[in-house]
Protein backbone atom coordinates (compact mmCIF):
# COMPACT_ATOMS: atom_id res chain seq x y z
CA MET A 1 -14.27 -13.38 -14.35
CA TYR A 2 -13.30 -9.96 -13.10
CA LYS A 3 -15.93 -7.45 -11.90
CA ILE A 4 -15.85 -3.96 -12.97
CA MET A 5 -18.02 -1.06 -11.77
CA VAL A 6 -18.66 1.85 -14.17
CA VAL A 7 -19.54 5.13 -12.35
CA GLU A 8 -20.33 7.40 -15.34
CA ASP A 9 -23.43 9.65 -15.59
CA ASP A 10 -23.51 9.84 -19.38
CA SER A 11 -25.72 6.90 -20.13
CA ASN A 12 -24.50 6.54 -23.81
CA ILE A 13 -20.96 6.43 -22.63
CA SER A 14 -21.59 3.93 -19.75
CA LYS A 15 -23.53 1.70 -22.00
CA ILE A 16 -20.84 1.58 -24.58
CA ILE A 17 -18.30 0.84 -21.92
CA ARG A 18 -20.37 -1.83 -20.34
CA GLU A 19 -21.07 -3.54 -23.81
CA ASN A 20 -17.47 -3.63 -24.70
CA LEU A 21 -16.37 -4.90 -21.25
CA GLU A 22 -18.97 -7.70 -21.45
CA LYS A 23 -17.60 -8.63 -24.91
CA GLN A 24 -14.25 -9.26 -23.15
CA SER A 25 -16.07 -11.63 -20.59
CA PHE A 26 -15.99 -9.13 -17.67
CA GLN A 27 -18.89 -8.77 -15.35
CA CYS A 28 -19.94 -5.24 -15.21
CA LEU A 29 -22.11 -3.03 -13.16
CA ARG A 30 -23.28 0.18 -14.55
CA ILE A 31 -24.29 2.72 -11.92
CA VAL A 32 -27.52 4.55 -12.72
CA GLN A 33 -28.55 5.82 -9.30
CA PHE A 34 -25.74 8.09 -7.85
CA GLU A 35 -27.09 8.72 -4.36
CA ASN A 36 -25.79 5.46 -2.83
CA ILE A 37 -22.67 4.42 -4.75
CA MET A 38 -21.02 2.92 -1.68
CA TYR A 39 -23.97 0.62 -1.19
CA GLU A 40 -23.57 -0.62 -4.85
CA PHE A 41 -19.80 -0.98 -4.37
CA ILE A 42 -20.23 -3.03 -1.16
CA LYS A 43 -22.80 -5.30 -2.67
CA PHE A 44 -21.01 -5.90 -5.98
CA LYS A 45 -17.49 -5.93 -4.68
CA PRO A 46 -15.70 -4.95 -7.90
CA GLU A 47 -12.15 -5.68 -8.66
CA LEU A 48 -11.84 -2.48 -10.59
CA ILE A 49 -13.74 0.79 -10.82
CA LEU A 50 -14.02 3.21 -13.76
CA MET A 51 -14.81 6.62 -12.23
CA ASP A 52 -16.01 9.84 -13.86
CA ILE A 53 -15.32 13.11 -11.95
CA ASN A 54 -18.37 15.18 -12.89
CA LEU A 55 -21.29 13.27 -11.30
CA PRO A 56 -24.56 14.27 -9.73
CA ARG A 57 -24.36 15.46 -6.24
CA ASP A 58 -20.95 14.25 -4.95
CA ASN A 59 -18.13 14.14 -7.58
CA GLY A 60 -15.81 11.28 -8.34
CA PHE A 61 -13.09 12.58 -6.17
CA TYR A 62 -15.35 12.28 -3.19
CA TRP A 63 -16.42 8.65 -4.15
CA CYS A 64 -12.76 7.66 -4.69
CA GLU A 65 -11.95 8.74 -1.10
CA LYS A 66 -14.86 6.74 0.29
CA ILE A 67 -13.87 3.70 -1.59
CA ARG A 68 -10.33 4.06 -0.32
CA GLU A 69 -11.45 3.67 3.20
CA LEU A 70 -12.63 0.23 2.41
CA SER A 71 -10.63 -1.11 -0.49
CA LYS A 72 -7.52 -1.02 -2.55
CA ALA A 73 -9.38 -2.10 -5.69
CA PRO A 74 -7.92 0.02 -8.61
CA ILE A 75 -9.67 2.99 -9.72
CA ILE A 76 -9.31 4.42 -13.28
CA PHE A 77 -10.62 7.96 -13.67
CA ILE A 78 -12.35 8.76 -17.01
CA SER A 79 -13.04 12.40 -17.51
CA ALA A 80 -13.17 15.28 -19.88
CA ARG A 81 -11.29 17.36 -17.25
CA ASN A 82 -7.72 17.26 -18.37
CA THR A 83 -5.80 19.79 -16.26
CA ASP A 84 -2.67 18.82 -14.29
CA LYS A 85 -4.45 19.87 -11.07
CA ASP A 86 -7.21 17.32 -11.73
CA ILE A 87 -4.78 14.53 -12.48
CA ILE A 88 -2.71 15.34 -9.37
CA ILE A 89 -5.78 15.43 -7.19
CA ALA A 90 -6.96 12.06 -8.65
CA THR A 91 -3.55 10.48 -8.03
CA ASN A 92 -3.20 11.89 -4.34
CA ILE A 93 -6.62 10.58 -3.27
CA GLY A 94 -5.90 7.07 -4.49
CA GLY A 95 -6.56 6.90 -8.18
CA ASP A 96 -4.48 4.53 -10.09
CA ASP A 97 -4.74 5.86 -13.70
CA TYR A 98 -6.43 8.73 -15.56
CA LEU A 99 -7.92 8.64 -19.09
CA VAL A 100 -9.08 11.81 -20.66
CA LYS A 101 -12.27 12.02 -22.69
CA PRO A 102 -12.71 11.46 -25.68
CA PHE A 103 -10.91 8.16 -25.65
CA SER A 104 -10.91 5.01 -27.90
CA ILE A 105 -12.50 1.90 -26.31
CA GLU A 106 -9.37 0.07 -27.38
CA VAL A 107 -7.19 2.11 -25.07
CA LEU A 108 -9.65 1.72 -22.28
CA LEU A 109 -9.76 -1.97 -22.57
CA ALA A 110 -5.97 -2.10 -22.70
CA LYS A 111 -5.66 -0.01 -19.57
CA VAL A 112 -8.34 -2.12 -17.76
CA LYS A 113 -6.62 -5.39 -18.75
CA GLY A 114 -3.03 -4.04 -17.76
CA MET A 115 -4.36 -2.71 -14.45
CA LEU A 116 -6.13 -6.01 -13.61
CA ARG A 117 -3.12 -8.13 -14.54
CA ARG A 118 -0.74 -6.00 -12.48
CA THR A 119 -3.06 -5.94 -9.54
CA TYR A 120 -4.20 -9.51 -9.27
CA ALA A 121 -1.48 -11.52 -10.75
CA TYR A 122 -0.65 -12.89 -7.31
CA ASN A 123 -3.94 -12.84 -5.38
CA GLU A 124 -6.52 -13.56 -7.97
CA GLY A 125 -10.09 -13.49 -6.87
CA GLU A 126 -9.62 -12.88 -3.14
CA SER A 127 -11.60 -10.09 -1.57
CA ASN A 128 -10.39 -8.37 1.57
CA VAL A 129 -13.60 -6.45 2.26
CA ILE A 130 -16.14 -8.43 4.45
CA SER A 131 -19.60 -7.00 4.89
CA PHE A 132 -22.25 -7.70 7.76
CA GLY A 133 -25.36 -5.59 7.27
CA GLU A 134 -24.00 -2.10 7.18
CA LEU A 135 -20.79 -3.06 8.97
CA ILE A 136 -17.69 -3.15 6.54
CA PHE A 137 -14.48 -4.86 7.65
CA ASN A 138 -11.34 -4.12 5.65
CA ALA A 139 -8.89 -6.84 6.28
CA ASP A 140 -6.16 -4.86 4.32
CA ASN A 141 -5.91 -2.13 6.84
CA GLY A 142 -7.85 -3.60 9.77
CA THR A 143 -10.56 -1.00 9.96
CA ILE A 144 -14.30 -1.45 10.64
CA VAL A 145 -16.80 1.07 9.25
CA CYS A 146 -20.49 1.76 9.69
CA LYS A 147 -21.85 4.73 7.96
CA ASN A 148 -19.60 7.60 9.02
CA LYS A 149 -18.21 5.92 12.13
CA ARG A 150 -14.81 4.16 11.87
CA GLU A 151 -12.52 2.24 14.34
CA GLU A 152 -9.07 0.76 13.79
CA LEU A 153 -8.15 -2.79 15.04
CA THR A 154 -5.04 -4.37 16.35
CA HIS A 155 -3.51 -7.36 14.57
CA ASN A 156 -5.08 -9.84 17.10
CA GLU A 157 -8.58 -7.98 17.05
CA MET A 158 -8.46 -8.08 13.22
CA GLU A 159 -7.75 -11.77 13.03
CA ILE A 160 -10.46 -12.60 15.49
CA LEU A 161 -13.03 -10.58 13.64
CA LYS A 162 -11.92 -11.84 10.25
CA ILE A 163 -12.40 -15.54 11.28
CA LEU A 164 -15.83 -14.77 12.86
CA LEU A 165 -17.13 -12.78 9.79
CA LYS A 166 -15.98 -15.45 7.40
CA ASN A 167 -17.90 -17.98 9.45
CA GLN A 168 -21.17 -16.03 9.88
CA GLY A 169 -23.82 -18.11 11.39
CA LYS A 170 -21.35 -20.75 12.64
CA VAL A 171 -19.84 -21.27 16.07
CA VAL A 172 -16.06 -20.81 16.00
CA SER A 173 -14.29 -22.47 18.83
CA ARG A 174 -11.78 -20.64 21.15
CA GLU A 175 -9.25 -23.19 20.20
CA ARG A 176 -9.67 -22.55 16.52
CA ILE A 177 -9.24 -18.72 17.00
CA MET A 178 -6.23 -19.28 19.12
CA ARG A 179 -4.71 -21.47 16.54
CA THR A 180 -5.24 -18.75 13.96
CA LEU A 181 -3.34 -16.32 16.13
CA TRP A 182 -0.50 -18.78 16.70
CA LYS A 183 0.31 -18.99 13.08
CA ASP A 184 2.16 -15.71 13.41
CA GLU A 185 3.98 -17.20 16.42
CA LYS A 186 2.25 -14.75 18.71
CA PHE A 187 1.24 -16.88 21.76
CA ILE A 188 -2.16 -16.00 23.25
CA ASP A 189 -3.61 -17.66 26.26
CA GLU A 190 -7.21 -18.19 27.36
CA ASN A 191 -7.39 -14.92 29.37
CA THR A 192 -5.66 -12.88 26.42
CA LEU A 193 -8.28 -14.14 23.99
CA THR A 194 -11.10 -13.01 26.24
CA VAL A 195 -9.55 -9.57 26.63
CA ASN A 196 -9.32 -9.27 22.91
CA ILE A 197 -12.82 -10.52 22.27
CA THR A 198 -13.97 -7.73 24.76
CA ARG A 199 -11.97 -5.16 22.96
CA VAL A 200 -13.40 -6.09 19.52
CA ARG A 201 -16.96 -5.94 21.10
CA LYS A 202 -16.23 -2.47 22.51
CA LYS A 203 -14.97 -1.05 19.01
CA LEU A 204 -18.01 -2.69 17.25
CA SER A 205 -20.23 -1.04 19.75
CA ALA A 206 -18.55 2.29 19.18
CA ILE A 207 -19.81 2.34 15.49
CA GLY A 208 -23.20 1.04 16.28
CA TYR A 209 -22.95 -2.61 16.39
CA GLU A 210 -23.54 -3.87 19.77
CA ASN A 211 -23.89 -7.58 20.81
CA ILE A 212 -23.20 -9.11 17.42
CA ILE A 213 -20.45 -11.43 18.86
CA LYS A 214 -22.27 -14.03 20.90
CA THR A 215 -20.70 -16.26 23.42
CA ILE A 216 -21.75 -19.89 23.14
CA ARG A 217 -20.95 -21.52 26.50
CA ASN A 218 -18.34 -24.29 26.38
CA GLU A 219 -18.17 -24.04 22.51
CA GLY A 220 -16.93 -20.60 21.35
CA TYR A 221 -18.16 -17.50 19.54
CA ILE A 222 -20.74 -16.64 16.76
CA ILE A 223 -21.67 -13.77 14.57
């Protein structure tokens, strides 16, 4: 079941959209508080977002850019604004489609289904965004973000953090981490692993997350 987030401040429109999406067996989150959309996005982890442009406080263009820092999930803009300029802006900042109000619910559903089919035909259900508290790790582009701070990871740093975050609360052995890195035929010895762990810790510290990677002596590492 795909998860769809509806960011629309007209409550009547958003309710109609949600009702029709749920009739099609989609799981739907309708945003009603617009101050912290990213928190809802991170918690819900939608596979597709329907985004209005004219919203309370920050507009849909702003939220699209914030989402694109973390995710490649498709974004369909739904707006009464129909100028070429608006459509070009939406496309340039990462929007995947644009539907002008008023629209028929049948057309919206067709666009949603088509977009999901094209996006997830080969990687159904797999999320590439992992969260830990306010820390967001995007495995698609190797970035870590906390509030307004952001760091980019190298390939090895990204693989190390990914395996630790996917095993939160569990000790991951050094051998297992090294085997994960070997799969790409990039040999890494004990000392190189230690250096990479140190670099990951330094980048986590730079965005406000110090000491979340713990060393368990003679066993490995844990988050």
